Structures are given as structure tokens and as C-alpha cells.
PDBML (XML) file of the C-alpha atoms, coordinates in Angstrom:
<?xml version="1.0" encoding="UTF-8" ?>
<PDBx:datablock datablockName="MODEL"
   xmlns:PDBx="http://pdbml.pdb.org/schema/pdbx-v50.xsd"
   xmlns:xsi="http://www.w3.org/2001/XMLSchema-instance"
   xsi:schemaLocation="http://pdbml.pdb.org/schema/pdbx-v50.xsd pdbx-v50.xsd">
   <PDBx:atom_siteCategory>
      <PDBx:atom_site id="1">
         <PDBx:B_iso_or_equiv>0.00</PDBx:B_iso_or_equiv>
         <PDBx:Cartn_x>-4.924</PDBx:Cartn_x>
         <PDBx:Cartn_y>3.997</PDBx:Cartn_y>
         <PDBx:Cartn_z>-11.792</PDBx:Cartn_z>
         <PDBx:auth_asym_id>A</PDBx:auth_asym_id>
         <PDBx:auth_atom_id>CA</PDBx:auth_atom_id>
         <PDBx:auth_comp_id>ARG</PDBx:auth_comp_id>
         <PDBx:auth_seq_id>1</PDBx:auth_seq_id>
         <PDBx:group_PDB>ATOM</PDBx:group_PDB>
         <PDBx:label_alt_id xsi:nil="true" />
         <PDBx:label_asym_id>A</PDBx:label_asym_id>
         <PDBx:label_atom_id>CA</PDBx:label_atom_id>
         <PDBx:label_comp_id>ARG</PDBx:label_comp_id>
         <PDBx:label_entity_id>1</PDBx:label_entity_id>
         <PDBx:label_seq_id>1</PDBx:label_seq_id>
         <PDBx:occupancy>1.00</PDBx:occupancy>
         <PDBx:pdbx_PDB_model_num>1</PDBx:pdbx_PDB_model_num>
         <PDBx:type_symbol>C</PDBx:type_symbol>
      </PDBx:atom_site>
      <PDBx:atom_site id="2">
         <PDBx:B_iso_or_equiv>0.00</PDBx:B_iso_or_equiv>
         <PDBx:Cartn_x>-2.103</PDBx:Cartn_x>
         <PDBx:Cartn_y>2.079</PDBx:Cartn_y>
         <PDBx:Cartn_z>-13.459</PDBx:Cartn_z>
         <PDBx:auth_asym_id>A</PDBx:auth_asym_id>
         <PDBx:auth_atom_id>CA</PDBx:auth_atom_id>
         <PDBx:auth_comp_id>ARG</PDBx:auth_comp_id>
         <PDBx:auth_seq_id>2</PDBx:auth_seq_id>
         <PDBx:group_PDB>ATOM</PDBx:group_PDB>
         <PDBx:label_alt_id xsi:nil="true" />
         <PDBx:label_asym_id>A</PDBx:label_asym_id>
         <PDBx:label_atom_id>CA</PDBx:label_atom_id>
         <PDBx:label_comp_id>ARG</PDBx:label_comp_id>
         <PDBx:label_entity_id>1</PDBx:label_entity_id>
         <PDBx:label_seq_id>2</PDBx:label_seq_id>
         <PDBx:occupancy>1.00</PDBx:occupancy>
         <PDBx:pdbx_PDB_model_num>1</PDBx:pdbx_PDB_model_num>
         <PDBx:type_symbol>C</PDBx:type_symbol>
      </PDBx:atom_site>
      <PDBx:atom_site id="3">
         <PDBx:B_iso_or_equiv>0.00</PDBx:B_iso_or_equiv>
         <PDBx:Cartn_x>0.575</PDBx:Cartn_x>
         <PDBx:Cartn_y>4.426</PDBx:Cartn_y>
         <PDBx:Cartn_z>-12.136</PDBx:Cartn_z>
         <PDBx:auth_asym_id>A</PDBx:auth_asym_id>
         <PDBx:auth_atom_id>CA</PDBx:auth_atom_id>
         <PDBx:auth_comp_id>VAL</PDBx:auth_comp_id>
         <PDBx:auth_seq_id>3</PDBx:auth_seq_id>
         <PDBx:group_PDB>ATOM</PDBx:group_PDB>
         <PDBx:label_alt_id xsi:nil="true" />
         <PDBx:label_asym_id>A</PDBx:label_asym_id>
         <PDBx:label_atom_id>CA</PDBx:label_atom_id>
         <PDBx:label_comp_id>VAL</PDBx:label_comp_id>
         <PDBx:label_entity_id>1</PDBx:label_entity_id>
         <PDBx:label_seq_id>3</PDBx:label_seq_id>
         <PDBx:occupancy>1.00</PDBx:occupancy>
         <PDBx:pdbx_PDB_model_num>1</PDBx:pdbx_PDB_model_num>
         <PDBx:type_symbol>C</PDBx:type_symbol>
      </PDBx:atom_site>
      <PDBx:atom_site id="4">
         <PDBx:B_iso_or_equiv>0.00</PDBx:B_iso_or_equiv>
         <PDBx:Cartn_x>-0.929</PDBx:Cartn_x>
         <PDBx:Cartn_y>4.482</PDBx:Cartn_y>
         <PDBx:Cartn_z>-8.615</PDBx:Cartn_z>
         <PDBx:auth_asym_id>A</PDBx:auth_asym_id>
         <PDBx:auth_atom_id>CA</PDBx:auth_atom_id>
         <PDBx:auth_comp_id>ALA</PDBx:auth_comp_id>
         <PDBx:auth_seq_id>4</PDBx:auth_seq_id>
         <PDBx:group_PDB>ATOM</PDBx:group_PDB>
         <PDBx:label_alt_id xsi:nil="true" />
         <PDBx:label_asym_id>A</PDBx:label_asym_id>
         <PDBx:label_atom_id>CA</PDBx:label_atom_id>
         <PDBx:label_comp_id>ALA</PDBx:label_comp_id>
         <PDBx:label_entity_id>1</PDBx:label_entity_id>
         <PDBx:label_seq_id>4</PDBx:label_seq_id>
         <PDBx:occupancy>1.00</PDBx:occupancy>
         <PDBx:pdbx_PDB_model_num>1</PDBx:pdbx_PDB_model_num>
         <PDBx:type_symbol>C</PDBx:type_symbol>
      </PDBx:atom_site>
      <PDBx:atom_site id="5">
         <PDBx:B_iso_or_equiv>0.00</PDBx:B_iso_or_equiv>
         <PDBx:Cartn_x>-1.189</PDBx:Cartn_x>
         <PDBx:Cartn_y>0.750</PDBx:Cartn_y>
         <PDBx:Cartn_z>-8.373</PDBx:Cartn_z>
         <PDBx:auth_asym_id>A</PDBx:auth_asym_id>
         <PDBx:auth_atom_id>CA</PDBx:auth_atom_id>
         <PDBx:auth_comp_id>ASN</PDBx:auth_comp_id>
         <PDBx:auth_seq_id>5</PDBx:auth_seq_id>
         <PDBx:group_PDB>ATOM</PDBx:group_PDB>
         <PDBx:label_alt_id xsi:nil="true" />
         <PDBx:label_asym_id>A</PDBx:label_asym_id>
         <PDBx:label_atom_id>CA</PDBx:label_atom_id>
         <PDBx:label_comp_id>ASN</PDBx:label_comp_id>
         <PDBx:label_entity_id>1</PDBx:label_entity_id>
         <PDBx:label_seq_id>5</PDBx:label_seq_id>
         <PDBx:occupancy>1.00</PDBx:occupancy>
         <PDBx:pdbx_PDB_model_num>1</PDBx:pdbx_PDB_model_num>
         <PDBx:type_symbol>C</PDBx:type_symbol>
      </PDBx:atom_site>
      <PDBx:atom_site id="6">
         <PDBx:B_iso_or_equiv>0.00</PDBx:B_iso_or_equiv>
         <PDBx:Cartn_x>2.360</PDBx:Cartn_x>
         <PDBx:Cartn_y>0.274</PDBx:Cartn_y>
         <PDBx:Cartn_z>-9.657</PDBx:Cartn_z>
         <PDBx:auth_asym_id>A</PDBx:auth_asym_id>
         <PDBx:auth_atom_id>CA</PDBx:auth_atom_id>
         <PDBx:auth_comp_id>PHE</PDBx:auth_comp_id>
         <PDBx:auth_seq_id>6</PDBx:auth_seq_id>
         <PDBx:group_PDB>ATOM</PDBx:group_PDB>
         <PDBx:label_alt_id xsi:nil="true" />
         <PDBx:label_asym_id>A</PDBx:label_asym_id>
         <PDBx:label_atom_id>CA</PDBx:label_atom_id>
         <PDBx:label_comp_id>PHE</PDBx:label_comp_id>
         <PDBx:label_entity_id>1</PDBx:label_entity_id>
         <PDBx:label_seq_id>6</PDBx:label_seq_id>
         <PDBx:occupancy>1.00</PDBx:occupancy>
         <PDBx:pdbx_PDB_model_num>1</PDBx:pdbx_PDB_model_num>
         <PDBx:type_symbol>C</PDBx:type_symbol>
      </PDBx:atom_site>
      <PDBx:atom_site id="7">
         <PDBx:B_iso_or_equiv>0.00</PDBx:B_iso_or_equiv>
         <PDBx:Cartn_x>3.744</PDBx:Cartn_x>
         <PDBx:Cartn_y>2.671</PDBx:Cartn_y>
         <PDBx:Cartn_z>-7.031</PDBx:Cartn_z>
         <PDBx:auth_asym_id>A</PDBx:auth_asym_id>
         <PDBx:auth_atom_id>CA</PDBx:auth_atom_id>
         <PDBx:auth_comp_id>ILE</PDBx:auth_comp_id>
         <PDBx:auth_seq_id>7</PDBx:auth_seq_id>
         <PDBx:group_PDB>ATOM</PDBx:group_PDB>
         <PDBx:label_alt_id xsi:nil="true" />
         <PDBx:label_asym_id>A</PDBx:label_asym_id>
         <PDBx:label_atom_id>CA</PDBx:label_atom_id>
         <PDBx:label_comp_id>ILE</PDBx:label_comp_id>
         <PDBx:label_entity_id>1</PDBx:label_entity_id>
         <PDBx:label_seq_id>7</PDBx:label_seq_id>
         <PDBx:occupancy>1.00</PDBx:occupancy>
         <PDBx:pdbx_PDB_model_num>1</PDBx:pdbx_PDB_model_num>
         <PDBx:type_symbol>C</PDBx:type_symbol>
      </PDBx:atom_site>
      <PDBx:atom_site id="8">
         <PDBx:B_iso_or_equiv>0.00</PDBx:B_iso_or_equiv>
         <PDBx:Cartn_x>1.527</PDBx:Cartn_x>
         <PDBx:Cartn_y>1.379</PDBx:Cartn_y>
         <PDBx:Cartn_z>-4.212</PDBx:Cartn_z>
         <PDBx:auth_asym_id>A</PDBx:auth_asym_id>
         <PDBx:auth_atom_id>CA</PDBx:auth_atom_id>
         <PDBx:auth_comp_id>ALA</PDBx:auth_comp_id>
         <PDBx:auth_seq_id>8</PDBx:auth_seq_id>
         <PDBx:group_PDB>ATOM</PDBx:group_PDB>
         <PDBx:label_alt_id xsi:nil="true" />
         <PDBx:label_asym_id>A</PDBx:label_asym_id>
         <PDBx:label_atom_id>CA</PDBx:label_atom_id>
         <PDBx:label_comp_id>ALA</PDBx:label_comp_id>
         <PDBx:label_entity_id>1</PDBx:label_entity_id>
         <PDBx:label_seq_id>8</PDBx:label_seq_id>
         <PDBx:occupancy>1.00</PDBx:occupancy>
         <PDBx:pdbx_PDB_model_num>1</PDBx:pdbx_PDB_model_num>
         <PDBx:type_symbol>C</PDBx:type_symbol>
      </PDBx:atom_site>
      <PDBx:atom_site id="9">
         <PDBx:B_iso_or_equiv>0.00</PDBx:B_iso_or_equiv>
         <PDBx:Cartn_x>2.562</PDBx:Cartn_x>
         <PDBx:Cartn_y>-2.239</PDBx:Cartn_y>
         <PDBx:Cartn_z>-4.868</PDBx:Cartn_z>
         <PDBx:auth_asym_id>A</PDBx:auth_asym_id>
         <PDBx:auth_atom_id>CA</PDBx:auth_atom_id>
         <PDBx:auth_comp_id>ASP</PDBx:auth_comp_id>
         <PDBx:auth_seq_id>9</PDBx:auth_seq_id>
         <PDBx:group_PDB>ATOM</PDBx:group_PDB>
         <PDBx:label_alt_id xsi:nil="true" />
         <PDBx:label_asym_id>A</PDBx:label_asym_id>
         <PDBx:label_atom_id>CA</PDBx:label_atom_id>
         <PDBx:label_comp_id>ASP</PDBx:label_comp_id>
         <PDBx:label_entity_id>1</PDBx:label_entity_id>
         <PDBx:label_seq_id>9</PDBx:label_seq_id>
         <PDBx:occupancy>1.00</PDBx:occupancy>
         <PDBx:pdbx_PDB_model_num>1</PDBx:pdbx_PDB_model_num>
         <PDBx:type_symbol>C</PDBx:type_symbol>
      </PDBx:atom_site>
      <PDBx:atom_site id="10">
         <PDBx:B_iso_or_equiv>0.00</PDBx:B_iso_or_equiv>
         <PDBx:Cartn_x>6.225</PDBx:Cartn_x>
         <PDBx:Cartn_y>-1.442</PDBx:Cartn_y>
         <PDBx:Cartn_z>-4.516</PDBx:Cartn_z>
         <PDBx:auth_asym_id>A</PDBx:auth_asym_id>
         <PDBx:auth_atom_id>CA</PDBx:auth_atom_id>
         <PDBx:auth_comp_id>ARG</PDBx:auth_comp_id>
         <PDBx:auth_seq_id>10</PDBx:auth_seq_id>
         <PDBx:group_PDB>ATOM</PDBx:group_PDB>
         <PDBx:label_alt_id xsi:nil="true" />
         <PDBx:label_asym_id>A</PDBx:label_asym_id>
         <PDBx:label_atom_id>CA</PDBx:label_atom_id>
         <PDBx:label_comp_id>ARG</PDBx:label_comp_id>
         <PDBx:label_entity_id>1</PDBx:label_entity_id>
         <PDBx:label_seq_id>10</PDBx:label_seq_id>
         <PDBx:occupancy>1.00</PDBx:occupancy>
         <PDBx:pdbx_PDB_model_num>1</PDBx:pdbx_PDB_model_num>
         <PDBx:type_symbol>C</PDBx:type_symbol>
      </PDBx:atom_site>
      <PDBx:atom_site id="11">
         <PDBx:B_iso_or_equiv>0.00</PDBx:B_iso_or_equiv>
         <PDBx:Cartn_x>5.669</PDBx:Cartn_x>
         <PDBx:Cartn_y>0.907</PDBx:Cartn_y>
         <PDBx:Cartn_z>-1.580</PDBx:Cartn_z>
         <PDBx:auth_asym_id>A</PDBx:auth_asym_id>
         <PDBx:auth_atom_id>CA</PDBx:auth_atom_id>
         <PDBx:auth_comp_id>TYR</PDBx:auth_comp_id>
         <PDBx:auth_seq_id>11</PDBx:auth_seq_id>
         <PDBx:group_PDB>ATOM</PDBx:group_PDB>
         <PDBx:label_alt_id xsi:nil="true" />
         <PDBx:label_asym_id>A</PDBx:label_asym_id>
         <PDBx:label_atom_id>CA</PDBx:label_atom_id>
         <PDBx:label_comp_id>TYR</PDBx:label_comp_id>
         <PDBx:label_entity_id>1</PDBx:label_entity_id>
         <PDBx:label_seq_id>11</PDBx:label_seq_id>
         <PDBx:occupancy>1.00</PDBx:occupancy>
         <PDBx:pdbx_PDB_model_num>1</PDBx:pdbx_PDB_model_num>
         <PDBx:type_symbol>C</PDBx:type_symbol>
      </PDBx:atom_site>
      <PDBx:atom_site id="12">
         <PDBx:B_iso_or_equiv>0.00</PDBx:B_iso_or_equiv>
         <PDBx:Cartn_x>3.651</PDBx:Cartn_x>
         <PDBx:Cartn_y>-1.535</PDBx:Cartn_y>
         <PDBx:Cartn_z>0.560</PDBx:Cartn_z>
         <PDBx:auth_asym_id>A</PDBx:auth_asym_id>
         <PDBx:auth_atom_id>CA</PDBx:auth_atom_id>
         <PDBx:auth_comp_id>PHE</PDBx:auth_comp_id>
         <PDBx:auth_seq_id>12</PDBx:auth_seq_id>
         <PDBx:group_PDB>ATOM</PDBx:group_PDB>
         <PDBx:label_alt_id xsi:nil="true" />
         <PDBx:label_asym_id>A</PDBx:label_asym_id>
         <PDBx:label_atom_id>CA</PDBx:label_atom_id>
         <PDBx:label_comp_id>PHE</PDBx:label_comp_id>
         <PDBx:label_entity_id>1</PDBx:label_entity_id>
         <PDBx:label_seq_id>12</PDBx:label_seq_id>
         <PDBx:occupancy>1.00</PDBx:occupancy>
         <PDBx:pdbx_PDB_model_num>1</PDBx:pdbx_PDB_model_num>
         <PDBx:type_symbol>C</PDBx:type_symbol>
      </PDBx:atom_site>
      <PDBx:atom_site id="13">
         <PDBx:B_iso_or_equiv>0.00</PDBx:B_iso_or_equiv>
         <PDBx:Cartn_x>5.623</PDBx:Cartn_x>
         <PDBx:Cartn_y>-4.617</PDBx:Cartn_y>
         <PDBx:Cartn_z>-0.429</PDBx:Cartn_z>
         <PDBx:auth_asym_id>A</PDBx:auth_asym_id>
         <PDBx:auth_atom_id>CA</PDBx:auth_atom_id>
         <PDBx:auth_comp_id>LEU</PDBx:auth_comp_id>
         <PDBx:auth_seq_id>13</PDBx:auth_seq_id>
         <PDBx:group_PDB>ATOM</PDBx:group_PDB>
         <PDBx:label_alt_id xsi:nil="true" />
         <PDBx:label_asym_id>A</PDBx:label_asym_id>
         <PDBx:label_atom_id>CA</PDBx:label_atom_id>
         <PDBx:label_comp_id>LEU</PDBx:label_comp_id>
         <PDBx:label_entity_id>1</PDBx:label_entity_id>
         <PDBx:label_seq_id>13</PDBx:label_seq_id>
         <PDBx:occupancy>1.00</PDBx:occupancy>
         <PDBx:pdbx_PDB_model_num>1</PDBx:pdbx_PDB_model_num>
         <PDBx:type_symbol>C</PDBx:type_symbol>
      </PDBx:atom_site>
      <PDBx:atom_site id="14">
         <PDBx:B_iso_or_equiv>0.00</PDBx:B_iso_or_equiv>
         <PDBx:Cartn_x>8.676</PDBx:Cartn_x>
         <PDBx:Cartn_y>-2.766</PDBx:Cartn_y>
         <PDBx:Cartn_z>0.829</PDBx:Cartn_z>
         <PDBx:auth_asym_id>A</PDBx:auth_asym_id>
         <PDBx:auth_atom_id>CA</PDBx:auth_atom_id>
         <PDBx:auth_comp_id>ASN</PDBx:auth_comp_id>
         <PDBx:auth_seq_id>14</PDBx:auth_seq_id>
         <PDBx:group_PDB>ATOM</PDBx:group_PDB>
         <PDBx:label_alt_id xsi:nil="true" />
         <PDBx:label_asym_id>A</PDBx:label_asym_id>
         <PDBx:label_atom_id>CA</PDBx:label_atom_id>
         <PDBx:label_comp_id>ASN</PDBx:label_comp_id>
         <PDBx:label_entity_id>1</PDBx:label_entity_id>
         <PDBx:label_seq_id>14</PDBx:label_seq_id>
         <PDBx:occupancy>1.00</PDBx:occupancy>
         <PDBx:pdbx_PDB_model_num>1</PDBx:pdbx_PDB_model_num>
         <PDBx:type_symbol>C</PDBx:type_symbol>
      </PDBx:atom_site>
      <PDBx:atom_site id="15">
         <PDBx:B_iso_or_equiv>0.00</PDBx:B_iso_or_equiv>
         <PDBx:Cartn_x>6.943</PDBx:Cartn_x>
         <PDBx:Cartn_y>-2.042</PDBx:Cartn_y>
         <PDBx:Cartn_z>4.134</PDBx:Cartn_z>
         <PDBx:auth_asym_id>A</PDBx:auth_asym_id>
         <PDBx:auth_atom_id>CA</PDBx:auth_atom_id>
         <PDBx:auth_comp_id>LEU</PDBx:auth_comp_id>
         <PDBx:auth_seq_id>15</PDBx:auth_seq_id>
         <PDBx:group_PDB>ATOM</PDBx:group_PDB>
         <PDBx:label_alt_id xsi:nil="true" />
         <PDBx:label_asym_id>A</PDBx:label_asym_id>
         <PDBx:label_atom_id>CA</PDBx:label_atom_id>
         <PDBx:label_comp_id>LEU</PDBx:label_comp_id>
         <PDBx:label_entity_id>1</PDBx:label_entity_id>
         <PDBx:label_seq_id>15</PDBx:label_seq_id>
         <PDBx:occupancy>1.00</PDBx:occupancy>
         <PDBx:pdbx_PDB_model_num>1</PDBx:pdbx_PDB_model_num>
         <PDBx:type_symbol>C</PDBx:type_symbol>
      </PDBx:atom_site>
      <PDBx:atom_site id="16">
         <PDBx:B_iso_or_equiv>0.00</PDBx:B_iso_or_equiv>
         <PDBx:Cartn_x>6.150</PDBx:Cartn_x>
         <PDBx:Cartn_y>-5.751</PDBx:Cartn_y>
         <PDBx:Cartn_z>4.449</PDBx:Cartn_z>
         <PDBx:auth_asym_id>A</PDBx:auth_asym_id>
         <PDBx:auth_atom_id>CA</PDBx:auth_atom_id>
         <PDBx:auth_comp_id>ILE</PDBx:auth_comp_id>
         <PDBx:auth_seq_id>16</PDBx:auth_seq_id>
         <PDBx:group_PDB>ATOM</PDBx:group_PDB>
         <PDBx:label_alt_id xsi:nil="true" />
         <PDBx:label_asym_id>A</PDBx:label_asym_id>
         <PDBx:label_atom_id>CA</PDBx:label_atom_id>
         <PDBx:label_comp_id>ILE</PDBx:label_comp_id>
         <PDBx:label_entity_id>1</PDBx:label_entity_id>
         <PDBx:label_seq_id>16</PDBx:label_seq_id>
         <PDBx:occupancy>1.00</PDBx:occupancy>
         <PDBx:pdbx_PDB_model_num>1</PDBx:pdbx_PDB_model_num>
         <PDBx:type_symbol>C</PDBx:type_symbol>
      </PDBx:atom_site>
      <PDBx:atom_site id="17">
         <PDBx:B_iso_or_equiv>0.00</PDBx:B_iso_or_equiv>
         <PDBx:Cartn_x>9.716</PDBx:Cartn_x>
         <PDBx:Cartn_y>-6.767</PDBx:Cartn_y>
         <PDBx:Cartn_z>3.607</PDBx:Cartn_z>
         <PDBx:auth_asym_id>A</PDBx:auth_asym_id>
         <PDBx:auth_atom_id>CA</PDBx:auth_atom_id>
         <PDBx:auth_comp_id>LYS</PDBx:auth_comp_id>
         <PDBx:auth_seq_id>17</PDBx:auth_seq_id>
         <PDBx:group_PDB>ATOM</PDBx:group_PDB>
         <PDBx:label_alt_id xsi:nil="true" />
         <PDBx:label_asym_id>A</PDBx:label_asym_id>
         <PDBx:label_atom_id>CA</PDBx:label_atom_id>
         <PDBx:label_comp_id>LYS</PDBx:label_comp_id>
         <PDBx:label_entity_id>1</PDBx:label_entity_id>
         <PDBx:label_seq_id>17</PDBx:label_seq_id>
         <PDBx:occupancy>1.00</PDBx:occupancy>
         <PDBx:pdbx_PDB_model_num>1</PDBx:pdbx_PDB_model_num>
         <PDBx:type_symbol>C</PDBx:type_symbol>
      </PDBx:atom_site>
      <PDBx:atom_site id="18">
         <PDBx:B_iso_or_equiv>0.00</PDBx:B_iso_or_equiv>
         <PDBx:Cartn_x>11.054</PDBx:Cartn_x>
         <PDBx:Cartn_y>-4.346</PDBx:Cartn_y>
         <PDBx:Cartn_z>6.209</PDBx:Cartn_z>
         <PDBx:auth_asym_id>A</PDBx:auth_asym_id>
         <PDBx:auth_atom_id>CA</PDBx:auth_atom_id>
         <PDBx:auth_comp_id>LYS</PDBx:auth_comp_id>
         <PDBx:auth_seq_id>18</PDBx:auth_seq_id>
         <PDBx:group_PDB>ATOM</PDBx:group_PDB>
         <PDBx:label_alt_id xsi:nil="true" />
         <PDBx:label_asym_id>A</PDBx:label_asym_id>
         <PDBx:label_atom_id>CA</PDBx:label_atom_id>
         <PDBx:label_comp_id>LYS</PDBx:label_comp_id>
         <PDBx:label_entity_id>1</PDBx:label_entity_id>
         <PDBx:label_seq_id>18</PDBx:label_seq_id>
         <PDBx:occupancy>1.00</PDBx:occupancy>
         <PDBx:pdbx_PDB_model_num>1</PDBx:pdbx_PDB_model_num>
         <PDBx:type_symbol>C</PDBx:type_symbol>
      </PDBx:atom_site>
      <PDBx:atom_site id="19">
         <PDBx:B_iso_or_equiv>0.00</PDBx:B_iso_or_equiv>
         <PDBx:Cartn_x>8.558</PDBx:Cartn_x>
         <PDBx:Cartn_y>-5.728</PDBx:Cartn_y>
         <PDBx:Cartn_z>8.785</PDBx:Cartn_z>
         <PDBx:auth_asym_id>A</PDBx:auth_asym_id>
         <PDBx:auth_atom_id>CA</PDBx:auth_atom_id>
         <PDBx:auth_comp_id>ASP</PDBx:auth_comp_id>
         <PDBx:auth_seq_id>19</PDBx:auth_seq_id>
         <PDBx:group_PDB>ATOM</PDBx:group_PDB>
         <PDBx:label_alt_id xsi:nil="true" />
         <PDBx:label_asym_id>A</PDBx:label_asym_id>
         <PDBx:label_atom_id>CA</PDBx:label_atom_id>
         <PDBx:label_comp_id>ASP</PDBx:label_comp_id>
         <PDBx:label_entity_id>1</PDBx:label_entity_id>
         <PDBx:label_seq_id>19</PDBx:label_seq_id>
         <PDBx:occupancy>1.00</PDBx:occupancy>
         <PDBx:pdbx_PDB_model_num>1</PDBx:pdbx_PDB_model_num>
         <PDBx:type_symbol>C</PDBx:type_symbol>
      </PDBx:atom_site>
      <PDBx:atom_site id="20">
         <PDBx:B_iso_or_equiv>0.00</PDBx:B_iso_or_equiv>
         <PDBx:Cartn_x>6.905</PDBx:Cartn_x>
         <PDBx:Cartn_y>-2.355</PDBx:Cartn_y>
         <PDBx:Cartn_z>9.158</PDBx:Cartn_z>
         <PDBx:auth_asym_id>A</PDBx:auth_asym_id>
         <PDBx:auth_atom_id>CA</PDBx:auth_atom_id>
         <PDBx:auth_comp_id>VAL</PDBx:auth_comp_id>
         <PDBx:auth_seq_id>20</PDBx:auth_seq_id>
         <PDBx:group_PDB>ATOM</PDBx:group_PDB>
         <PDBx:label_alt_id xsi:nil="true" />
         <PDBx:label_asym_id>A</PDBx:label_asym_id>
         <PDBx:label_atom_id>CA</PDBx:label_atom_id>
         <PDBx:label_comp_id>VAL</PDBx:label_comp_id>
         <PDBx:label_entity_id>1</PDBx:label_entity_id>
         <PDBx:label_seq_id>20</PDBx:label_seq_id>
         <PDBx:occupancy>1.00</PDBx:occupancy>
         <PDBx:pdbx_PDB_model_num>1</PDBx:pdbx_PDB_model_num>
         <PDBx:type_symbol>C</PDBx:type_symbol>
      </PDBx:atom_site>
      <PDBx:atom_site id="21">
         <PDBx:B_iso_or_equiv>0.00</PDBx:B_iso_or_equiv>
         <PDBx:Cartn_x>3.649</PDBx:Cartn_x>
         <PDBx:Cartn_y>-4.083</PDBx:Cartn_y>
         <PDBx:Cartn_z>8.255</PDBx:Cartn_z>
         <PDBx:auth_asym_id>A</PDBx:auth_asym_id>
         <PDBx:auth_atom_id>CA</PDBx:auth_atom_id>
         <PDBx:auth_comp_id>ILE</PDBx:auth_comp_id>
         <PDBx:auth_seq_id>21</PDBx:auth_seq_id>
         <PDBx:group_PDB>ATOM</PDBx:group_PDB>
         <PDBx:label_alt_id xsi:nil="true" />
         <PDBx:label_asym_id>A</PDBx:label_asym_id>
         <PDBx:label_atom_id>CA</PDBx:label_atom_id>
         <PDBx:label_comp_id>ILE</PDBx:label_comp_id>
         <PDBx:label_entity_id>1</PDBx:label_entity_id>
         <PDBx:label_seq_id>21</PDBx:label_seq_id>
         <PDBx:occupancy>1.00</PDBx:occupancy>
         <PDBx:pdbx_PDB_model_num>1</PDBx:pdbx_PDB_model_num>
         <PDBx:type_symbol>C</PDBx:type_symbol>
      </PDBx:atom_site>
      <PDBx:atom_site id="22">
         <PDBx:B_iso_or_equiv>0.00</PDBx:B_iso_or_equiv>
         <PDBx:Cartn_x>3.906</PDBx:Cartn_x>
         <PDBx:Cartn_y>-7.484</PDBx:Cartn_y>
         <PDBx:Cartn_z>9.944</PDBx:Cartn_z>
         <PDBx:auth_asym_id>A</PDBx:auth_asym_id>
         <PDBx:auth_atom_id>CA</PDBx:auth_atom_id>
         <PDBx:auth_comp_id>THR</PDBx:auth_comp_id>
         <PDBx:auth_seq_id>22</PDBx:auth_seq_id>
         <PDBx:group_PDB>ATOM</PDBx:group_PDB>
         <PDBx:label_alt_id xsi:nil="true" />
         <PDBx:label_asym_id>A</PDBx:label_asym_id>
         <PDBx:label_atom_id>CA</PDBx:label_atom_id>
         <PDBx:label_comp_id>THR</PDBx:label_comp_id>
         <PDBx:label_entity_id>1</PDBx:label_entity_id>
         <PDBx:label_seq_id>22</PDBx:label_seq_id>
         <PDBx:occupancy>1.00</PDBx:occupancy>
         <PDBx:pdbx_PDB_model_num>1</PDBx:pdbx_PDB_model_num>
         <PDBx:type_symbol>C</PDBx:type_symbol>
      </PDBx:atom_site>
      <PDBx:atom_site id="23">
         <PDBx:B_iso_or_equiv>0.00</PDBx:B_iso_or_equiv>
         <PDBx:Cartn_x>1.805</PDBx:Cartn_x>
         <PDBx:Cartn_y>-10.417</PDBx:Cartn_y>
         <PDBx:Cartn_z>8.663</PDBx:Cartn_z>
         <PDBx:auth_asym_id>A</PDBx:auth_asym_id>
         <PDBx:auth_atom_id>CA</PDBx:auth_atom_id>
         <PDBx:auth_comp_id>ILE</PDBx:auth_comp_id>
         <PDBx:auth_seq_id>23</PDBx:auth_seq_id>
         <PDBx:group_PDB>ATOM</PDBx:group_PDB>
         <PDBx:label_alt_id xsi:nil="true" />
         <PDBx:label_asym_id>A</PDBx:label_asym_id>
         <PDBx:label_atom_id>CA</PDBx:label_atom_id>
         <PDBx:label_comp_id>ILE</PDBx:label_comp_id>
         <PDBx:label_entity_id>1</PDBx:label_entity_id>
         <PDBx:label_seq_id>23</PDBx:label_seq_id>
         <PDBx:occupancy>1.00</PDBx:occupancy>
         <PDBx:pdbx_PDB_model_num>1</PDBx:pdbx_PDB_model_num>
         <PDBx:type_symbol>C</PDBx:type_symbol>
      </PDBx:atom_site>
      <PDBx:atom_site id="24">
         <PDBx:B_iso_or_equiv>0.00</PDBx:B_iso_or_equiv>
         <PDBx:Cartn_x>2.390</PDBx:Cartn_x>
         <PDBx:Cartn_y>-13.589</PDBx:Cartn_y>
         <PDBx:Cartn_z>10.728</PDBx:Cartn_z>
         <PDBx:auth_asym_id>A</PDBx:auth_asym_id>
         <PDBx:auth_atom_id>CA</PDBx:auth_atom_id>
         <PDBx:auth_comp_id>ASP</PDBx:auth_comp_id>
         <PDBx:auth_seq_id>24</PDBx:auth_seq_id>
         <PDBx:group_PDB>ATOM</PDBx:group_PDB>
         <PDBx:label_alt_id xsi:nil="true" />
         <PDBx:label_asym_id>A</PDBx:label_asym_id>
         <PDBx:label_atom_id>CA</PDBx:label_atom_id>
         <PDBx:label_comp_id>ASP</PDBx:label_comp_id>
         <PDBx:label_entity_id>1</PDBx:label_entity_id>
         <PDBx:label_seq_id>24</PDBx:label_seq_id>
         <PDBx:occupancy>1.00</PDBx:occupancy>
         <PDBx:pdbx_PDB_model_num>1</PDBx:pdbx_PDB_model_num>
         <PDBx:type_symbol>C</PDBx:type_symbol>
      </PDBx:atom_site>
      <PDBx:atom_site id="25">
         <PDBx:B_iso_or_equiv>0.00</PDBx:B_iso_or_equiv>
         <PDBx:Cartn_x>0.075</PDBx:Cartn_x>
         <PDBx:Cartn_y>-15.862</PDBx:Cartn_y>
         <PDBx:Cartn_z>8.772</PDBx:Cartn_z>
         <PDBx:auth_asym_id>A</PDBx:auth_asym_id>
         <PDBx:auth_atom_id>CA</PDBx:auth_atom_id>
         <PDBx:auth_comp_id>GLY</PDBx:auth_comp_id>
         <PDBx:auth_seq_id>25</PDBx:auth_seq_id>
         <PDBx:group_PDB>ATOM</PDBx:group_PDB>
         <PDBx:label_alt_id xsi:nil="true" />
         <PDBx:label_asym_id>A</PDBx:label_asym_id>
         <PDBx:label_atom_id>CA</PDBx:label_atom_id>
         <PDBx:label_comp_id>GLY</PDBx:label_comp_id>
         <PDBx:label_entity_id>1</PDBx:label_entity_id>
         <PDBx:label_seq_id>25</PDBx:label_seq_id>
         <PDBx:occupancy>1.00</PDBx:occupancy>
         <PDBx:pdbx_PDB_model_num>1</PDBx:pdbx_PDB_model_num>
         <PDBx:type_symbol>C</PDBx:type_symbol>
      </PDBx:atom_site>
   </PDBx:atom_siteCategory>
</PDBx:datablock>
């Protein structure tokens, strides 16, 4: 669980930073 959450955090935050997942507000 610790490893999966560590990887997932970085993976999805990167998608948000790259605007692949777009959150307007």
C-alpha cells in the first residue's frame, strides 16, 4: 500500500501538471 500510494501520487500529479487530467476549479 505504501509503495503503491507513493507511485500513484507522483504518476497522477504528473498527469495533472501536464494537463492530461484537467481540473479547472
